[in-house]
Amino acid sequence: MHSQPVDPPRLTIAILTFNEERLIGRCLESAAFADEVVVVDSGSTDKTVEVARSYGAKVFVHPDWRGFAVQRNRLLSYCTGDFVFFLDADEVISPAFQRELQAVVAADDRRAVWCVRWQLVAFGRVLPRTMSKTCVVRLFPRCLIDHFEGVVHEEASLTQSGVPRRMMRELLVHYTNPDVATSLAKMVQYAMLGACKRKASGKRGGVLRGLAAGGVAFTRHYVIRLGFLGGGAGFLYCLFKALESFFRYAALRYDYETLSDDVQRRNG
């Protein structure tokens, strides 16, 4: 008796968007190899939704903003693949990353999750690989994700404890900080969300704490992670990181009573 053929595992690439018409086409083009691409839009006022649909993505609009964890949970609810890879609108999957991602999915290991690191591109320049040390879990077997929680940099709550985290070797291309105007808006959004998160943890802010945090952030990115090798673009990127750290603690002190997590940050 012949055994029934087993269907290969399916991959869903899931993307949150909000006014991303300049970026979403490049992002979706790089994700076209997936079995399913799902987009949840937060009420864009530009052509993000139309562009996403033109690339064949399944698009769902939820303009009633209730935080990033809620929006990502909505995104997750539409995903039907055996594996889900979360991609941001300002990120691009390179051919090398695609090959590795497809190989991981084909291996069909549903007992682990996978982390990514970034190749940063800021102000039109590729920054040194040493600039991005952050590891973020992006690839999940669908059966392991229960829900997302958190104000900023929301995290997945898994259905099992002790799940091993494995690292993708290739870097995900991240077009962060394309220009000064966008960087200023992004810095404000992250600073306010970070302040809100620290308020919820009972922490206090102030100018001196902000100066200390900003100084540490600049030193870490510009000196230790070799941001100075990125020229002017590297300096600007590190400066915005430092300013974000400073204003996070300044807002925690001077905007304490009005802090709220309803700031719609860009997905990057």
Protein backbone atom coordinates (compact mmCIF):
# COMPACT_ATOMS: atom_id res chain seq x y z
CA MET A 1 0.00 0.00 0.00
CA HIS A 2 1.37 3.40 -0.98
CA SER A 3 1.43 6.14 1.65
CA GLN A 4 -0.32 9.37 0.86
CA PRO A 5 2.02 12.18 -0.26
CA VAL A 6 2.58 14.81 2.41
CA ASP A 7 1.96 18.40 1.37
CA PRO A 8 4.99 20.66 1.87
CA PRO A 9 4.66 23.23 4.67
CA ARG A 10 3.16 26.56 3.59
CA LEU A 11 4.72 29.93 4.35
CA THR A 12 2.76 33.10 5.10
CA ILE A 13 4.56 36.45 5.06
CA ALA A 14 2.66 38.92 7.25
CA ILE A 15 3.04 42.71 7.08
CA LEU A 16 1.60 45.64 9.05
CA THR A 17 1.26 48.91 7.14
CA PHE A 18 0.37 52.55 7.69
CA ASN A 19 1.02 55.11 4.92
CA GLU A 20 3.77 53.07 3.29
CA GLU A 21 3.11 53.68 -0.41
CA ARG A 22 6.77 54.65 -1.01
CA LEU A 23 8.07 51.40 0.45
CA ILE A 24 5.48 48.67 0.23
CA GLY A 25 6.00 47.79 -3.45
CA ARG A 26 9.67 46.91 -3.00
CA CYS A 27 8.84 44.96 0.15
CA LEU A 28 6.02 42.95 -1.45
CA GLU A 29 8.05 42.23 -4.57
CA SER A 30 10.70 40.59 -2.39
CA ALA A 31 8.01 38.53 -0.60
CA ALA A 32 6.27 37.27 -3.74
CA PHE A 33 7.74 33.75 -3.38
CA ALA A 34 5.64 33.02 -0.28
CA ASP A 35 2.56 30.82 -0.45
CA GLU A 36 0.54 33.66 1.06
CA VAL A 37 1.18 37.35 1.74
CA VAL A 38 -1.15 39.00 4.25
CA VAL A 39 -1.28 42.75 4.95
CA VAL A 40 -3.18 44.46 7.75
CA ASP A 41 -3.39 48.19 7.19
CA SER A 42 -4.08 50.66 9.99
CA GLY A 43 -6.12 53.12 7.94
CA SER A 44 -3.60 54.55 5.49
CA THR A 45 -4.56 57.81 3.81
CA ASP A 46 -2.21 57.25 0.86
CA LYS A 47 -2.22 54.47 -1.77
CA THR A 48 -0.74 51.75 0.44
CA VAL A 49 -3.81 49.51 0.25
CA GLU A 50 -4.15 49.83 -3.52
CA VAL A 51 -0.46 49.10 -4.09
CA ALA A 52 -0.54 46.08 -1.77
CA ARG A 53 -3.55 44.62 -3.56
CA SER A 54 -1.88 45.18 -6.93
CA TYR A 55 0.90 42.84 -5.79
CA GLY A 56 -1.60 40.10 -4.97
CA ALA A 57 -1.48 40.45 -1.19
CA LYS A 58 -4.53 39.68 0.93
CA VAL A 59 -5.27 43.08 2.46
CA PHE A 60 -7.44 43.78 5.51
CA VAL A 61 -8.03 47.28 6.88
CA HIS A 62 -8.42 47.93 10.62
CA PRO A 63 -8.37 51.70 11.19
CA ASP A 64 -9.59 51.49 14.81
CA TRP A 65 -6.13 51.78 16.32
CA ARG A 66 -5.76 49.99 19.68
CA GLY A 67 -2.02 49.41 19.83
CA PHE A 68 0.59 47.34 18.03
CA ALA A 69 -0.05 44.10 19.87
CA VAL A 70 -3.75 44.24 18.95
CA GLN A 71 -2.94 45.03 15.33
CA ARG A 72 -0.40 42.21 15.09
CA ASN A 73 -2.90 39.79 16.63
CA ARG A 74 -5.35 40.78 13.92
CA LEU A 75 -2.67 40.15 11.34
CA LEU A 76 -1.96 36.74 12.83
CA SER A 77 -5.65 35.78 12.69
CA TYR A 78 -5.61 35.99 8.88
CA CYS A 79 -2.50 33.83 8.42
CA THR A 80 -3.17 30.30 7.21
CA GLY A 81 0.36 29.06 6.55
CA ASP A 82 2.16 26.44 8.63
CA PHE A 83 4.93 29.00 9.18
CA VAL A 84 4.53 32.77 9.57
CA PHE A 85 7.30 35.25 8.81
CA PHE A 86 6.68 38.82 9.98
CA LEU A 87 8.10 41.45 7.64
CA ASP A 88 8.03 45.23 8.00
CA ALA A 89 7.17 47.52 5.10
CA ASP A 90 10.64 49.08 5.09
CA GLU A 91 12.38 45.70 4.90
CA VAL A 92 13.38 43.68 1.83
CA ILE A 93 14.12 39.97 1.55
CA SER A 94 17.31 39.45 -0.47
CA PRO A 95 17.66 36.41 -2.76
CA ALA A 96 20.11 34.84 -0.28
CA PHE A 97 17.73 35.41 2.64
CA GLN A 98 14.88 33.98 0.57
CA ARG A 99 16.81 30.78 -0.11
CA GLU A 100 17.62 30.32 3.56
CA LEU A 101 14.04 31.06 4.63
CA GLN A 102 12.64 28.56 2.14
CA ALA A 103 15.12 25.93 3.32
CA VAL A 104 14.11 26.44 6.96
CA VAL A 105 10.42 26.14 6.13
CA ALA A 106 11.01 23.06 3.96
CA ALA A 107 12.78 21.36 6.88
CA ASP A 108 9.43 21.67 8.73
CA ASP A 109 10.77 21.93 12.28
CA ARG A 110 7.78 23.13 14.31
CA ARG A 111 9.54 23.04 17.68
CA ALA A 112 11.64 26.21 17.33
CA VAL A 113 11.43 29.87 16.31
CA TRP A 114 13.96 31.83 14.24
CA CYS A 115 15.57 35.22 14.83
CA VAL A 116 16.82 37.71 12.27
CA ARG A 117 19.44 40.45 12.24
CA TRP A 118 19.51 43.40 9.85
CA GLN A 119 21.66 44.92 7.17
CA LEU A 120 20.89 48.58 7.81
CA VAL A 121 20.55 51.10 4.99
CA ALA A 122 20.24 54.68 6.27
CA PHE A 123 20.18 57.97 4.38
CA GLY A 124 20.95 56.10 1.15
CA ARG A 125 24.06 54.34 2.46
CA VAL A 126 24.64 50.75 3.53
CA LEU A 127 25.94 50.88 7.10
CA PRO A 128 28.61 48.54 8.52
CA ARG A 129 27.27 45.07 9.40
CA THR A 130 28.46 45.68 12.96
CA MET A 131 25.78 48.36 13.39
CA SER A 132 22.96 45.88 13.89
CA LYS A 133 23.38 43.52 16.81
CA THR A 134 19.68 43.26 17.67
CA CYS A 135 18.11 39.84 17.22
CA VAL A 136 14.34 39.74 16.73
CA VAL A 137 12.16 36.64 16.43
CA ARG A 138 10.38 36.83 13.07
CA LEU A 139 9.73 33.25 11.89
CA PHE A 140 7.26 31.10 13.82
CA PRO A 141 5.53 27.79 13.29
CA ARG A 142 1.90 28.93 13.33
CA CYS A 143 1.05 26.34 15.99
CA LEU A 144 3.49 27.93 18.46
CA ILE A 145 2.08 31.49 18.50
CA ASP A 146 -0.70 32.24 20.95
CA HIS A 147 -0.81 36.03 20.79
CA PHE A 148 1.28 39.21 20.85
CA GLU A 149 1.57 41.63 23.75
CA GLY A 150 3.50 44.80 24.54
CA VAL A 151 3.37 48.53 23.81
CA VAL A 152 6.45 48.79 21.59
CA HIS A 153 8.58 46.00 20.12
CA GLU A 154 5.65 43.73 20.87
CA GLU A 155 6.55 40.11 21.60
CA ALA A 156 4.86 36.81 20.87
CA SER A 157 3.47 34.74 23.71
CA LEU A 158 4.07 31.11 22.73
CA THR A 159 1.93 28.06 23.39
CA GLN A 160 4.92 26.21 24.85
CA SER A 161 7.71 27.15 27.23
CA GLY A 162 11.39 26.62 26.60
CA VAL A 163 11.10 26.93 22.82
CA PRO A 164 14.60 27.16 21.30
CA ARG A 165 15.53 30.25 19.32
CA ARG A 166 17.63 29.73 16.23
CA MET A 167 19.44 32.36 14.18
CA MET A 168 19.05 33.03 10.48
CA ARG A 169 22.51 33.38 8.96
CA GLU A 170 21.60 35.85 6.22
CA LEU A 171 20.71 39.46 7.06
CA LEU A 172 17.33 41.04 6.37
CA VAL A 173 17.74 44.34 4.51
CA HIS A 174 16.25 47.20 6.54
CA TYR A 175 15.79 50.60 4.86
CA THR A 176 15.72 52.59 8.08
CA ASN A 177 15.94 56.38 8.31
CA PRO A 178 15.58 57.26 4.61
CA ASP A 179 15.75 61.02 5.25
CA VAL A 180 15.89 63.56 8.07
CA ALA A 181 12.16 64.39 8.09
CA THR A 182 11.13 60.74 8.39
CA SER A 183 13.82 60.15 11.01
CA LEU A 184 12.54 63.01 13.16
CA ALA A 185 8.98 61.65 13.08
CA LYS A 186 10.18 58.13 13.79
CA MET A 187 12.36 59.33 16.67
CA VAL A 188 9.41 61.10 18.31
CA GLN A 189 7.17 58.05 17.92
CA TYR A 190 9.69 55.63 19.40
CA ALA A 191 10.62 58.02 22.20
CA MET A 192 6.99 58.46 23.26
CA LEU A 193 6.19 54.75 23.02
CA GLY A 194 9.34 53.94 25.00
CA ALA A 195 8.35 56.45 27.66
CA CYS A 196 4.87 54.92 27.86
CA LYS A 197 6.36 51.46 28.29
CA ARG A 198 8.61 52.67 31.11
CA LYS A 199 5.72 54.46 32.78
CA ALA A 200 3.82 51.17 32.85
CA SER A 201 6.84 49.63 34.58
CA GLY A 202 6.84 52.34 37.26
CA LYS A 203 10.03 54.03 36.09
CA ARG A 204 10.82 57.73 36.30
CA GLY A 205 12.56 60.03 33.88
CA GLY A 206 14.41 63.32 33.84
CA VAL A 207 16.95 65.36 31.90
CA LEU A 208 20.01 63.87 33.59
CA ARG A 209 18.79 60.32 33.02
CA GLY A 210 18.08 61.25 29.43
CA LEU A 211 21.55 62.68 28.92
CA ALA A 212 23.12 59.55 30.40
CA ALA A 213 20.98 57.25 28.25
CA GLY A 214 21.65 59.30 25.14
CA GLY A 215 25.39 59.33 25.76
CA VAL A 216 25.47 55.57 26.25
CA ALA A 217 23.38 55.02 23.10
CA PHE A 218 25.63 57.22 20.96
CA THR A 219 28.81 55.60 22.26
CA ARG A 220 27.41 52.12 21.72
CA HIS A 221 26.34 52.74 18.13
CA TYR A 222 29.00 55.18 16.91
CA VAL A 223 32.09 53.81 18.63
CA ILE A 224 31.55 50.22 19.75
CA ARG A 225 29.48 49.17 16.73
CA LEU A 226 31.69 51.20 14.36
CA GLY A 227 29.04 53.62 13.18
CA PHE A 228 31.79 56.11 12.35
CA LEU A 229 32.70 53.90 9.38
CA GLY A 230 29.35 54.88 7.84
CA GLY A 231 30.42 58.48 7.27
CA GLY A 232 27.78 61.19 7.58
CA ALA A 233 24.94 58.69 7.26
CA GLY A 234 26.40 56.64 10.10
CA PHE A 235 26.73 59.73 12.29
CA LEU A 236 23.12 60.77 11.64
CA TYR A 237 21.82 57.30 12.39
CA CYS A 238 23.69 57.19 15.71
CA LEU A 239 22.62 60.73 16.59
CA PHE A 240 18.95 59.87 16.10
CA LYS A 241 19.40 56.79 18.30
CA ALA A 242 20.88 59.00 21.02
CA LEU A 243 18.12 61.61 20.70
CA GLU A 244 15.47 58.91 20.95
CA SER A 245 17.03 57.69 24.21
CA PHE A 246 17.24 61.24 25.59
CA PHE A 247 13.67 62.26 24.76
CA ARG A 248 12.31 58.97 26.06
CA TYR A 249 13.40 59.96 29.58
CA ALA A 250 12.56 63.65 29.08
CA ALA A 251 9.00 62.69 28.09
CA LEU A 252 8.79 60.30 31.01
CA ARG A 253 9.42 63.28 33.30
CA TYR A 254 7.62 66.17 31.61
CA ASP A 255 4.81 64.37 29.73
CA TYR A 256 4.17 61.76 32.41
CA GLU A 257 0.45 62.44 32.93
CA THR A 258 -0.44 62.45 29.22
CA LEU A 259 1.66 59.52 27.99
CA SER A 260 -0.34 57.10 25.85
CA ASP A 261 0.45 54.14 23.60
CA ASP A 262 -1.82 55.37 20.78
CA VAL A 263 1.13 56.74 18.80
CA GLN A 264 1.21 55.02 15.44
CA ARG A 265 4.87 54.35 14.84
CA ARG A 266 6.09 53.28 11.45
CA ASN A 267 6.76 49.56 11.16
CA GLY A 268 10.47 49.80 11.15
